[in-house]
Amino acid sequence: MLTVAWGVFVIAALANWWAVAAGNRSIVRVSKPTALVALIGVAVAGGAAHSTAGRWLIVALALCLAGDVFLLGATERAFLGGLTSFLLGHLGYVVVFVSLGLAEPAWGLIGLMALVAVLIATRHVIPAAHREGGALLAGAVAAYMLVIGAMVVTAWMTGDWLIGLGALTFMVSDSILAVAKFVRRPRQAELAVMATYHVGQALIIAGVLGAR
């Protein structure tokens, strides 16, 4: 079952990347949530339900799935729903990593340096969000950045390079999304967002299941 779940994920992720690049929204609407459902299947088939860290992994993935569904919409309410779901998902990941044990606190410096680099690269996001939606939106985006930063630092503190690299890749995905929404839209931004998102999630899951 684990191999089947991974296979479904790979097929769904590749289909999503192609559909995003081709602008086929019908396939995007199906492939995007399917990829996350498959990753939840990977976690369950990998025995995640039998440990505290694993159960929180399933919760975090379910929240990310909700975020994916929200972001299929084009309204500001849908964006805020997605933002909230992913923020809670990142908090769930923090609990996962703490449950695994922060055995290598010095490794957190890797995550901290990556966070500083990302904050520099996305320094125009919060002012742009404030111009677009006022203090409420800017505050929500700032809170989100703080939470994902905590997720990346604690991921590296586990001492598992797969988990750390996955969290870092996930942060890159969110950073591209934030810049594309609020500042400027780089070419093939959505493809870059989805590719880094799926790879990041897969690395985190592989690392957590291995560590557990």
C-alpha atoms as a PDB file:
ATOM      1  CA  MET A   1       0.000   0.000   0.000  1.00  0.00           C
ATOM      2  CA  LEU A   2       2.876   2.370   0.742  1.00  0.00           C
ATOM      3  CA  THR A   3       4.297   1.932  -2.751  1.00  0.00           C
ATOM      4  CA  VAL A   4       0.867   2.444  -4.302  1.00  0.00           C
ATOM      5  CA  ALA A   5       0.329   5.643  -2.296  1.00  0.00           C
ATOM      6  CA  TRP A   6       3.707   7.025  -3.375  1.00  0.00           C
ATOM      7  CA  GLY A   7       2.904   6.104  -6.963  1.00  0.00           C
ATOM      8  CA  VAL A   8      -0.434   7.915  -6.884  1.00  0.00           C
ATOM      9  CA  PHE A   9       1.274  10.960  -5.414  1.00  0.00           C
ATOM     10  CA  VAL A  10       3.945  11.070  -8.123  1.00  0.00           C
ATOM     11  CA  ILE A  11       1.350  10.723 -10.893  1.00  0.00           C
ATOM     12  CA  ALA A  12      -0.905  13.392  -9.364  1.00  0.00           C
ATOM     13  CA  ALA A  13       2.004  15.779  -8.758  1.00  0.00           C
ATOM     14  CA  LEU A  14       3.337  15.410 -12.307  1.00  0.00           C
ATOM     15  CA  ALA A  15      -0.165  15.877 -13.710  1.00  0.00           C
ATOM     16  CA  ASN A  16      -0.541  18.999 -11.599  1.00  0.00           C
ATOM     17  CA  TRP A  17       2.754  20.460 -12.782  1.00  0.00           C
ATOM     18  CA  TRP A  18       1.839  19.819 -16.412  1.00  0.00           C
ATOM     19  CA  ALA A  19      -1.644  21.269 -15.952  1.00  0.00           C
ATOM     20  CA  VAL A  20      -0.283  24.379 -14.241  1.00  0.00           C
ATOM     21  CA  ALA A  21       2.258  24.949 -17.009  1.00  0.00           C
ATOM     22  CA  ALA A  22      -0.373  24.342 -19.694  1.00  0.00           C
ATOM     23  CA  GLY A  23      -3.050  26.433 -17.978  1.00  0.00           C
ATOM     24  CA  ASN A  24      -5.465  23.504 -17.762  1.00  0.00           C
ATOM     25  CA  ARG A  25      -7.517  24.504 -14.730  1.00  0.00           C
ATOM     26  CA  SER A  26      -9.786  21.451 -14.870  1.00  0.00           C
ATOM     27  CA  ILE A  27      -6.884  19.081 -14.286  1.00  0.00           C
ATOM     28  CA  VAL A  28      -5.406  21.430 -11.674  1.00  0.00           C
ATOM     29  CA  ARG A  29      -8.640  21.266  -9.663  1.00  0.00           C
ATOM     30  CA  VAL A  30      -8.456  17.467  -9.587  1.00  0.00           C
ATOM     31  CA  SER A  31      -4.709  16.841  -9.354  1.00  0.00           C
ATOM     32  CA  LYS A  32      -3.937  19.397  -6.636  1.00  0.00           C
ATOM     33  CA  PRO A  33      -6.035  17.853  -3.831  1.00  0.00           C
ATOM     34  CA  THR A  34      -5.383  14.327  -5.134  1.00  0.00           C
ATOM     35  CA  ALA A  35      -1.658  14.746  -4.531  1.00  0.00           C
ATOM     36  CA  LEU A  36      -2.245  15.661  -0.880  1.00  0.00           C
ATOM     37  CA  VAL A  37      -4.766  12.865  -0.364  1.00  0.00           C
ATOM     38  CA  ALA A  38      -2.106  10.491  -1.699  1.00  0.00           C
ATOM     39  CA  LEU A  39       0.463  11.905   0.742  1.00  0.00           C
ATOM     40  CA  ILE A  40      -1.949  11.336   3.608  1.00  0.00           C
ATOM     41  CA  GLY A  41      -2.225   7.782   2.300  1.00  0.00           C
ATOM     42  CA  VAL A  42       1.586   7.534   2.365  1.00  0.00           C
ATOM     43  CA  ALA A  43       1.643   8.651   5.996  1.00  0.00           C
ATOM     44  CA  VAL A  44      -1.080   6.204   7.027  1.00  0.00           C
ATOM     45  CA  ALA A  45       0.418   3.295   5.074  1.00  0.00           C
ATOM     46  CA  GLY A  46       3.807   4.125   6.570  1.00  0.00           C
ATOM     47  CA  GLY A  47       2.455   3.603  10.083  1.00  0.00           C
ATOM     48  CA  ALA A  48       2.128   7.252  11.097  1.00  0.00           C
ATOM     49  CA  ALA A  49      -1.004   6.566  13.138  1.00  0.00           C
ATOM     50  CA  HIS A  50       1.040   4.532  15.632  1.00  0.00           C
ATOM     51  CA  SER A  51       3.067   7.418  17.084  1.00  0.00           C
ATOM     52  CA  THR A  52       2.418  10.927  18.392  1.00  0.00           C
ATOM     53  CA  ALA A  53       4.621  12.526  15.748  1.00  0.00           C
ATOM     54  CA  GLY A  54       2.948  10.465  13.049  1.00  0.00           C
ATOM     55  CA  ARG A  55      -0.560  11.383  14.137  1.00  0.00           C
ATOM     56  CA  TRP A  56       0.349  15.065  14.113  1.00  0.00           C
ATOM     57  CA  LEU A  57       1.854  14.534  10.659  1.00  0.00           C
ATOM     58  CA  ILE A  58      -1.546  13.350   9.430  1.00  0.00           C
ATOM     59  CA  VAL A  59      -3.205  16.386  11.047  1.00  0.00           C
ATOM     60  CA  ALA A  60      -0.717  18.759   9.404  1.00  0.00           C
ATOM     61  CA  LEU A  61      -1.249  17.150   6.007  1.00  0.00           C
ATOM     62  CA  ALA A  62      -5.031  17.338   6.396  1.00  0.00           C
ATOM     63  CA  LEU A  63      -4.753  21.064   7.122  1.00  0.00           C
ATOM     64  CA  CYS A  64      -2.547  21.515   4.056  1.00  0.00           C
ATOM     65  CA  LEU A  65      -5.165  19.655   2.013  1.00  0.00           C
ATOM     66  CA  ALA A  66      -7.782  22.112   3.276  1.00  0.00           C
ATOM     67  CA  GLY A  67      -5.464  24.952   2.274  1.00  0.00           C
ATOM     68  CA  ASP A  68      -5.092  23.509  -1.207  1.00  0.00           C
ATOM     69  CA  VAL A  69      -8.847  23.323  -1.616  1.00  0.00           C
ATOM     70  CA  PHE A  70      -9.297  26.910  -0.427  1.00  0.00           C
ATOM     71  CA  LEU A  71      -6.634  28.180  -2.823  1.00  0.00           C
ATOM     72  CA  LEU A  72      -8.461  26.669  -5.777  1.00  0.00           C
ATOM     73  CA  GLY A  73     -10.793  29.642  -5.363  1.00  0.00           C
ATOM     74  CA  ALA A  74      -9.951  33.078  -6.716  1.00  0.00           C
ATOM     75  CA  THR A  75     -11.534  35.269  -4.027  1.00  0.00           C
ATOM     76  CA  GLU A  76      -9.866  37.096  -1.146  1.00  0.00           C
ATOM     77  CA  ARG A  77     -11.905  34.981   1.282  1.00  0.00           C
ATOM     78  CA  ALA A  78     -10.529  31.832  -0.345  1.00  0.00           C
ATOM     79  CA  PHE A  79      -6.983  33.186  -0.003  1.00  0.00           C
ATOM     80  CA  LEU A  80      -7.484  33.957   3.687  1.00  0.00           C
ATOM     81  CA  GLY A  81      -8.970  30.486   4.201  1.00  0.00           C
ATOM     82  CA  GLY A  82      -5.927  28.958   2.551  1.00  0.00           C
ATOM     83  CA  LEU A  83      -3.582  31.159   4.563  1.00  0.00           C
ATOM     84  CA  THR A  84      -5.253  30.139   7.832  1.00  0.00           C
ATOM     85  CA  SER A  85      -5.249  26.437   6.953  1.00  0.00           C
ATOM     86  CA  PHE A  86      -1.576  26.429   6.024  1.00  0.00           C
ATOM     87  CA  LEU A  87      -0.651  28.477   9.098  1.00  0.00           C
ATOM     88  CA  LEU A  88      -2.308  25.836  11.274  1.00  0.00           C
ATOM     89  CA  GLY A  89      -0.646  23.143   9.172  1.00  0.00           C
ATOM     90  CA  HIS A  90       2.782  24.644   9.832  1.00  0.00           C
ATOM     91  CA  LEU A  91       2.000  24.747  13.554  1.00  0.00           C
ATOM     92  CA  GLY A  92       1.101  21.075  13.239  1.00  0.00           C
ATOM     93  CA  TYR A  93       4.501  20.413  11.678  1.00  0.00           C
ATOM     94  CA  VAL A  94       6.199  22.219  14.570  1.00  0.00           C
ATOM     95  CA  VAL A  95       4.442  19.804  16.951  1.00  0.00           C
ATOM     96  CA  VAL A  96       5.586  16.889  14.750  1.00  0.00           C
ATOM     97  CA  PHE A  97       9.221  17.961  14.956  1.00  0.00           C
ATOM     98  CA  VAL A  98       9.102  18.671  18.684  1.00  0.00           C
ATOM     99  CA  SER A  99       7.514  15.235  19.200  1.00  0.00           C
ATOM    100  CA  LEU A 100      10.385  13.632  17.280  1.00  0.00           C
ATOM    101  CA  GLY A 101      12.854  15.428  19.536  1.00  0.00           C
ATOM    102  CA  LEU A 102      15.063  18.439  18.859  1.00  0.00           C
ATOM    103  CA  ALA A 103      18.259  16.433  19.245  1.00  0.00           C
ATOM    104  CA  GLU A 104      20.503  18.794  17.255  1.00  0.00           C
ATOM    105  CA  PRO A 105      19.708  22.364  18.348  1.00  0.00           C
ATOM    106  CA  ALA A 106      22.830  23.698  16.614  1.00  0.00           C
ATOM    107  CA  TRP A 107      21.382  22.572  13.285  1.00  0.00           C
ATOM    108  CA  GLY A 108      18.670  25.159  13.860  1.00  0.00           C
ATOM    109  CA  LEU A 109      21.221  27.744  12.703  1.00  0.00           C
ATOM    110  CA  ILE A 110      20.810  26.354   9.185  1.00  0.00           C
ATOM    111  CA  GLY A 111      17.089  27.037   9.330  1.00  0.00           C
ATOM    112  CA  LEU A 112      17.689  30.446  10.902  1.00  0.00           C
ATOM    113  CA  MET A 113      20.097  31.491   8.149  1.00  0.00           C
ATOM    114  CA  ALA A 114      17.644  30.275   5.507  1.00  0.00           C
ATOM    115  CA  LEU A 115      14.879  32.245   7.188  1.00  0.00           C
ATOM    116  CA  VAL A 116      16.951  35.429   7.167  1.00  0.00           C
ATOM    117  CA  ALA A 117      17.669  34.945   3.455  1.00  0.00           C
ATOM    118  CA  VAL A 118      13.981  34.432   2.703  1.00  0.00           C
ATOM    119  CA  LEU A 119      12.966  37.470   4.760  1.00  0.00           C
ATOM    120  CA  ILE A 120      15.392  39.587   2.751  1.00  0.00           C
ATOM    121  CA  ALA A 121      14.062  38.187  -0.529  1.00  0.00           C
ATOM    122  CA  THR A 122      10.444  38.794   0.511  1.00  0.00           C
ATOM    123  CA  ARG A 123      10.963  42.122   2.298  1.00  0.00           C
ATOM    124  CA  HIS A 124       8.423  43.876   0.041  1.00  0.00           C
ATOM    125  CA  VAL A 125       5.620  41.385   0.735  1.00  0.00           C
ATOM    126  CA  ILE A 126       4.264  42.752   4.031  1.00  0.00           C
ATOM    127  CA  PRO A 127       4.199  46.424   2.861  1.00  0.00           C
ATOM    128  CA  ALA A 128       2.472  45.312  -0.350  1.00  0.00           C
ATOM    129  CA  ALA A 129      -0.045  43.253   1.631  1.00  0.00           C
ATOM    130  CA  HIS A 130      -0.755  46.293   3.793  1.00  0.00           C
ATOM    131  CA  ARG A 131      -1.417  48.427   0.727  1.00  0.00           C
ATOM    132  CA  GLU A 132      -3.751  45.790  -0.656  1.00  0.00           C
ATOM    133  CA  GLY A 133      -5.691  44.723   2.441  1.00  0.00           C
ATOM    134  CA  GLY A 134      -4.709  46.972   5.311  1.00  0.00           C
ATOM    135  CA  ALA A 135      -3.357  46.045   8.726  1.00  0.00           C
ATOM    136  CA  LEU A 136      -5.422  42.867   9.017  1.00  0.00           C
ATOM    137  CA  LEU A 137      -3.997  41.258   5.885  1.00  0.00           C
ATOM    138  CA  ALA A 138      -0.475  42.493   6.588  1.00  0.00           C
ATOM    139  CA  GLY A 139      -0.685  41.113  10.137  1.00  0.00           C
ATOM    140  CA  ALA A 140      -1.937  37.760   8.898  1.00  0.00           C
ATOM    141  CA  VAL A 141       0.914  37.510   6.395  1.00  0.00           C
ATOM    142  CA  ALA A 142       3.468  38.501   9.057  1.00  0.00           C
ATOM    143  CA  ALA A 143       2.091  35.876  11.464  1.00  0.00           C
ATOM    144  CA  TYR A 144       2.276  33.277   8.709  1.00  0.00           C
ATOM    145  CA  MET A 145       5.916  34.122   7.999  1.00  0.00           C
ATOM    146  CA  LEU A 146       6.740  33.853  11.704  1.00  0.00           C
ATOM    147  CA  VAL A 147       5.112  30.433  11.974  1.00  0.00           C
ATOM    148  CA  ILE A 148       6.754  28.993   8.876  1.00  0.00           C
ATOM    149  CA  GLY A 149      10.073  30.318  10.151  1.00  0.00           C
ATOM    150  CA  ALA A 150       9.541  28.411  13.405  1.00  0.00           C
ATOM    151  CA  MET A 151       8.651  25.324  11.365  1.00  0.00           C
ATOM    152  CA  VAL A 152      11.891  25.500   9.375  1.00  0.00           C
ATOM    153  CA  VAL A 153      14.102  26.088  12.429  1.00  0.00           C
ATOM    154  CA  THR A 154      12.560  23.233  14.422  1.00  0.00           C
ATOM    155  CA  ALA A 155      12.745  20.966  11.362  1.00  0.00           C
ATOM    156  CA  TRP A 156      16.514  21.376  11.204  1.00  0.00           C
ATOM    157  CA  MET A 157      16.798  20.978  14.968  1.00  0.00           C
ATOM    158  CA  THR A 158      15.583  17.391  14.627  1.00  0.00           C
ATOM    159  CA  GLY A 159      18.952  16.625  13.070  1.00  0.00           C
ATOM    160  CA  ASP A 160      17.302  14.898  10.094  1.00  0.00           C
ATOM    161  CA  TRP A 161      18.484  16.454   6.834  1.00  0.00           C
ATOM    162  CA  LEU A 162      15.467  15.171   4.881  1.00  0.00           C
ATOM    163  CA  ILE A 163      13.079  16.911   7.262  1.00  0.00           C
ATOM    164  CA  GLY A 164      15.155  20.087   7.261  1.00  0.00           C
ATOM    165  CA  LEU A 165      15.488  20.180   3.492  1.00  0.00           C
ATOM    166  CA  GLY A 166      11.784  19.475   3.073  1.00  0.00           C
ATOM    167  CA  ALA A 167      10.785  22.303   5.406  1.00  0.00           C
ATOM    168  CA  LEU A 168      13.177  24.665   3.638  1.00  0.00           C
ATOM    169  CA  THR A 169      11.749  23.730   0.241  1.00  0.00           C
ATOM    170  CA  PHE A 170       8.238  24.263   1.599  1.00  0.00           C
ATOM    171  CA  MET A 171       9.255  27.750   2.773  1.00  0.00           C
ATOM    172  CA  VAL A 172      10.643  28.546  -0.684  1.00  0.00           C
ATOM    173  CA  SER A 173       7.275  27.553  -2.172  1.00  0.00           C
ATOM    174  CA  ASP A 174       5.377  29.864   0.163  1.00  0.00           C
ATOM    175  CA  SER A 175       7.838  32.676  -0.503  1.00  0.00           C
ATOM    176  CA  ILE A 176       7.370  32.447  -4.255  1.00  0.00           C
ATOM    177  CA  LEU A 177       3.600  32.424  -3.744  1.00  0.00           C
ATOM    178  CA  ALA A 178       3.745  35.521  -1.520  1.00  0.00           C
ATOM    179  CA  VAL A 179       5.914  37.473  -3.959  1.00  0.00           C
ATOM    180  CA  ALA A 180       3.722  36.456  -6.893  1.00  0.00           C
ATOM    181  CA  LYS A 181       0.541  37.531  -5.128  1.00  0.00           C
ATOM    182  CA  PHE A 182       1.611  40.792  -3.552  1.00  0.00           C
ATOM    183  CA  VAL A 183       4.710  42.118  -5.343  1.00  0.00           C
ATOM    184  CA  ARG A 184       5.244  40.815  -8.862  1.00  0.00           C
ATOM    185  CA  ARG A 185       4.450  37.628 -10.768  1.00  0.00           C
ATOM    186  CA  PRO A 186       7.599  35.887 -12.025  1.00  0.00           C
ATOM    187  CA  ARG A 187       7.293  33.738 -15.116  1.00  0.00           C
ATOM    188  CA  GLN A 188       5.903  30.265 -14.325  1.00  0.00           C
ATOM    189  CA  ALA A 189       5.504  31.294 -10.686  1.00  0.00           C
ATOM    190  CA  GLU A 190       2.621  28.887 -10.090  1.00  0.00           C
ATOM    191  CA  LEU A 191       4.625  25.961 -11.472  1.00  0.00           C
ATOM    192  CA  ALA A 192       7.550  26.836  -9.199  1.00  0.00           C
ATOM    193  CA  VAL A 193       5.170  27.109  -6.226  1.00  0.00           C
ATOM    194  CA  MET A 194       3.604  23.713  -6.814  1.00  0.00           C
ATOM    195  CA  ALA A 195       6.837  21.868  -7.662  1.00  0.00           C
ATOM    196  CA  THR A 196       8.625  23.083  -4.522  1.00  0.00           C
ATOM    197  CA  TYR A 197       5.485  22.504  -2.449  1.00  0.00           C
ATOM    198  CA  HIS A 198       5.098  18.881  -3.485  1.00  0.00           C
ATOM    199  CA  VAL A 199       8.815  18.112  -3.191  1.00  0.00           C
ATOM    200  CA  GLY A 200       8.969  19.770   0.224  1.00  0.00           C
ATOM    201  CA  GLN A 201       5.983  17.835   1.543  1.00  0.00           C
ATOM    202  CA  ALA A 202       7.356  14.546   0.207  1.00  0.00           C
ATOM    203  CA  LEU A 203      10.761  15.107   1.824  1.00  0.00           C
ATOM    204  CA  ILE A 204       9.193  15.967   5.183  1.00  0.00           C
ATOM    205  CA  ILE A 205       7.027  12.845   5.119  1.00  0.00           C
ATOM    206  CA  ALA A 206       9.920  10.585   4.119  1.00  0.00           C
ATOM    207  CA  GLY A 207      12.056  12.073   6.869  1.00  0.00           C
ATOM    208  CA  VAL A 208       9.396  11.833   9.572  1.00  0.00           C
ATOM    209  CA  LEU A 209       8.472   8.260   8.697  1.00  0.00           C
ATOM    210  CA  GLY A 210      12.136   7.287   8.690  1.00  0.00           C
ATOM    211  CA  ALA A 211      12.897   9.057  11.960  1.00  0.00           C
ATOM    212  CA  ARG A 212       9.807   7.679  13.636  1.00  0.00           C
END
